[in-house]
């Protein structure tokens, strides 16, 4: 059995609707430029607040994709 190697990038997605939408935004945006995405791990959730109201949900995501050597 052959092993594999993966890169991991950390992204922050945002949404004015929910944390789930924020995480989805991060992954789907990254899919536009990264190939062979494997695992997305939400590592932090936070939000911005303005005048006592939630303005923006933010999800910090570690995203792995298969390493393709030079």
N, C-alpha and C. Protein backbone atom coordinates (compact mmCIF):
# COMPACT_ATOMS: atom_id res chain seq x y z
N UNK A 1 0.83 -1.18 0.00
CA UNK A 1 0.00 0.00 0.00
C UNK A 1 0.88 1.24 0.00
N UNK A 2 0.59 2.16 -0.89
CA UNK A 2 1.37 3.38 -1.02
C UNK A 2 0.77 4.48 -0.15
N UNK A 3 1.62 5.26 0.50
CA UNK A 3 1.14 6.35 1.34
C UNK A 3 0.90 7.61 0.51
N UNK A 4 0.31 8.60 1.12
CA UNK A 4 0.04 9.87 0.47
C UNK A 4 0.48 11.01 1.38
N UNK A 5 0.66 12.17 0.78
CA UNK A 5 1.02 13.38 1.50
C UNK A 5 0.02 14.46 1.15
N UNK A 6 -0.33 15.28 2.15
CA UNK A 6 -1.33 16.32 1.94
C UNK A 6 -0.82 17.66 2.42
N UNK A 7 -1.20 18.71 1.73
CA UNK A 7 -0.98 20.08 2.18
C UNK A 7 -2.19 20.49 3.01
N UNK A 8 -1.97 21.42 3.93
CA UNK A 8 -3.09 21.98 4.70
C UNK A 8 -2.99 23.50 4.64
N UNK A 9 -4.10 24.12 4.28
CA UNK A 9 -4.18 25.58 4.29
C UNK A 9 -5.27 25.99 5.28
N UNK A 10 -5.10 27.17 5.84
CA UNK A 10 -6.10 27.67 6.77
C UNK A 10 -6.83 28.84 6.09
N UNK A 11 -8.13 28.78 6.09
CA UNK A 11 -8.97 29.77 5.43
C UNK A 11 -10.01 30.30 6.41
N UNK A 12 -10.51 31.49 6.14
CA UNK A 12 -11.62 32.04 6.91
C UNK A 12 -12.73 32.37 5.92
N UNK A 13 -13.86 31.71 6.07
CA UNK A 13 -15.02 32.00 5.26
C UNK A 13 -15.99 32.85 6.06
N UNK A 14 -16.77 33.67 5.37
CA UNK A 14 -17.73 34.53 6.05
C UNK A 14 -19.12 34.39 5.44
N UNK A 15 -20.12 34.71 6.24
CA UNK A 15 -21.51 34.69 5.78
C UNK A 15 -22.33 35.59 6.69
N UNK A 16 -23.35 36.21 6.13
CA UNK A 16 -24.26 36.99 6.96
C UNK A 16 -25.44 36.14 7.44
N UNK A 17 -25.42 34.81 7.09
CA UNK A 17 -26.53 33.92 7.45
C UNK A 17 -26.20 32.94 8.58
N UNK A 18 -25.04 32.24 8.48
CA UNK A 18 -24.74 31.20 9.47
C UNK A 18 -23.27 30.78 9.41
N UNK A 19 -22.84 30.07 10.48
CA UNK A 19 -21.49 29.51 10.47
C UNK A 19 -21.35 28.43 9.41
N UNK A 20 -22.39 27.63 9.22
CA UNK A 20 -22.34 26.59 8.19
C UNK A 20 -22.12 27.19 6.81
N UNK A 21 -22.82 28.27 6.53
CA UNK A 21 -22.64 28.95 5.23
C UNK A 21 -21.24 29.55 5.12
N UNK A 22 -20.71 30.04 6.24
CA UNK A 22 -19.36 30.60 6.24
C UNK A 22 -18.32 29.53 5.91
N UNK A 23 -18.45 28.35 6.53
CA UNK A 23 -17.53 27.24 6.24
C UNK A 23 -17.66 26.79 4.80
N UNK A 24 -18.88 26.69 4.33
CA UNK A 24 -19.14 26.29 2.94
C UNK A 24 -18.51 27.28 1.96
N UNK A 25 -18.60 28.55 2.27
CA UNK A 25 -17.99 29.58 1.42
C UNK A 25 -16.49 29.37 1.31
N UNK A 26 -15.83 29.10 2.45
CA UNK A 26 -14.39 28.88 2.45
C UNK A 26 -14.01 27.70 1.56
N UNK A 27 -14.71 26.59 1.72
CA UNK A 27 -14.38 25.37 0.96
C UNK A 27 -14.67 25.56 -0.53
N UNK A 28 -15.83 26.09 -0.85
CA UNK A 28 -16.21 26.21 -2.25
C UNK A 28 -15.37 27.26 -2.99
N UNK A 29 -14.95 28.29 -2.29
CA UNK A 29 -14.06 29.27 -2.91
C UNK A 29 -12.69 28.64 -3.18
N UNK A 30 -12.17 27.90 -2.20
CA UNK A 30 -10.87 27.24 -2.37
C UNK A 30 -10.92 26.22 -3.51
N UNK A 31 -12.05 25.57 -3.69
CA UNK A 31 -12.18 24.56 -4.76
C UNK A 31 -11.98 25.16 -6.14
N UNK A 32 -12.11 26.48 -6.24
CA UNK A 32 -11.88 27.14 -7.53
C UNK A 32 -10.42 27.17 -7.93
N UNK A 33 -9.50 27.04 -6.97
CA UNK A 33 -8.08 27.10 -7.31
C UNK A 33 -7.26 25.93 -6.79
N UNK A 34 -7.80 25.12 -5.90
CA UNK A 34 -7.09 23.95 -5.37
C UNK A 34 -7.74 22.69 -5.90
N UNK A 35 -6.91 21.69 -6.20
CA UNK A 35 -7.43 20.42 -6.71
C UNK A 35 -7.35 19.34 -5.65
N UNK A 36 -8.21 18.37 -5.81
CA UNK A 36 -8.18 17.16 -4.99
C UNK A 36 -8.34 17.46 -3.49
N UNK A 37 -9.35 18.28 -3.17
CA UNK A 37 -9.63 18.60 -1.76
C UNK A 37 -10.06 17.33 -1.03
N UNK A 38 -9.63 17.18 0.22
CA UNK A 38 -9.90 15.95 0.96
C UNK A 38 -10.71 16.16 2.23
N UNK A 39 -10.20 16.95 3.17
CA UNK A 39 -10.83 17.10 4.48
C UNK A 39 -10.91 18.59 4.82
N UNK A 40 -12.06 19.00 5.33
CA UNK A 40 -12.22 20.35 5.86
C UNK A 40 -12.54 20.23 7.34
N UNK A 41 -11.74 20.88 8.16
CA UNK A 41 -11.93 20.82 9.61
C UNK A 41 -12.20 22.23 10.13
N UNK A 42 -13.38 22.45 10.66
CA UNK A 42 -13.70 23.75 11.25
C UNK A 42 -12.98 23.82 12.60
N UNK A 43 -12.11 24.80 12.74
CA UNK A 43 -11.30 24.88 13.96
C UNK A 43 -11.68 26.04 14.87
N UNK A 44 -12.44 27.00 14.33
CA UNK A 44 -12.86 28.13 15.16
C UNK A 44 -14.08 28.79 14.54
N UNK A 45 -15.01 29.18 15.38
CA UNK A 45 -16.18 29.93 14.95
C UNK A 45 -16.21 31.24 15.72
N UNK A 46 -16.45 32.34 15.02
CA UNK A 46 -16.65 33.60 15.70
C UNK A 46 -17.57 34.46 14.85
N UNK A 47 -17.86 35.64 15.34
CA UNK A 47 -18.73 36.54 14.59
C UNK A 47 -18.35 37.98 14.88
N UNK A 48 -18.67 38.84 13.95
CA UNK A 48 -18.48 40.26 14.18
C UNK A 48 -19.83 40.83 14.63
N UNK A 49 -19.75 41.80 15.54
CA UNK A 49 -20.95 42.39 16.13
C UNK A 49 -20.89 43.89 15.93
N UNK A 50 -22.01 44.47 15.50
CA UNK A 50 -22.14 45.91 15.36
C UNK A 50 -23.42 46.37 16.02
N UNK A 51 -23.30 47.34 16.90
CA UNK A 51 -24.46 47.90 17.60
C UNK A 51 -25.33 46.83 18.24
N UNK A 52 -24.68 45.82 18.85
CA UNK A 52 -25.38 44.77 19.56
C UNK A 52 -26.03 43.71 18.67
N UNK A 53 -25.77 43.75 17.38
CA UNK A 53 -26.35 42.77 16.44
C UNK A 53 -25.24 42.02 15.72
N UNK A 54 -25.49 40.75 15.44
CA UNK A 54 -24.52 39.96 14.68
C UNK A 54 -24.48 40.49 13.25
N UNK A 55 -23.29 40.85 12.82
CA UNK A 55 -23.11 41.39 11.47
C UNK A 55 -22.64 40.30 10.51
N UNK A 56 -21.70 39.45 10.98
CA UNK A 56 -21.09 38.47 10.09
C UNK A 56 -20.64 37.25 10.88
N UNK A 57 -20.95 36.07 10.38
CA UNK A 57 -20.45 34.81 10.94
C UNK A 57 -19.14 34.48 10.24
N UNK A 58 -18.17 33.98 11.01
CA UNK A 58 -16.87 33.61 10.43
C UNK A 58 -16.50 32.20 10.88
N UNK A 59 -16.02 31.41 9.94
CA UNK A 59 -15.56 30.05 10.24
C UNK A 59 -14.13 29.90 9.76
N UNK A 60 -13.24 29.56 10.70
CA UNK A 60 -11.85 29.28 10.33
C UNK A 60 -11.76 27.78 10.04
N UNK A 61 -11.21 27.45 8.88
CA UNK A 61 -11.22 26.08 8.37
C UNK A 61 -9.82 25.66 7.97
N UNK A 62 -9.38 24.49 8.43
CA UNK A 62 -8.18 23.84 7.89
C UNK A 62 -8.65 22.95 6.75
N UNK A 63 -8.08 23.13 5.58
CA UNK A 63 -8.49 22.39 4.40
C UNK A 63 -7.29 21.64 3.84
N UNK A 64 -7.44 20.32 3.68
CA UNK A 64 -6.33 19.53 3.14
C UNK A 64 -6.61 19.14 1.70
N UNK A 65 -5.51 19.07 0.95
CA UNK A 65 -5.58 18.64 -0.43
C UNK A 65 -4.31 17.86 -0.75
N UNK A 66 -4.41 16.96 -1.69
CA UNK A 66 -3.29 16.06 -1.99
C UNK A 66 -2.09 16.81 -2.54
N UNK A 67 -0.93 16.52 -2.00
CA UNK A 67 0.31 17.14 -2.43
C UNK A 67 0.74 16.54 -3.76
N UNK A 68 1.04 17.42 -4.70
CA UNK A 68 1.57 16.98 -5.98
C UNK A 68 2.97 17.56 -6.12
N UNK A 69 3.97 16.72 -5.98
CA UNK A 69 5.36 17.17 -6.02
C UNK A 69 5.74 17.79 -7.35
N UNK A 70 6.86 18.48 -7.34
CA UNK A 70 7.33 19.16 -8.54
C UNK A 70 7.83 18.21 -9.59
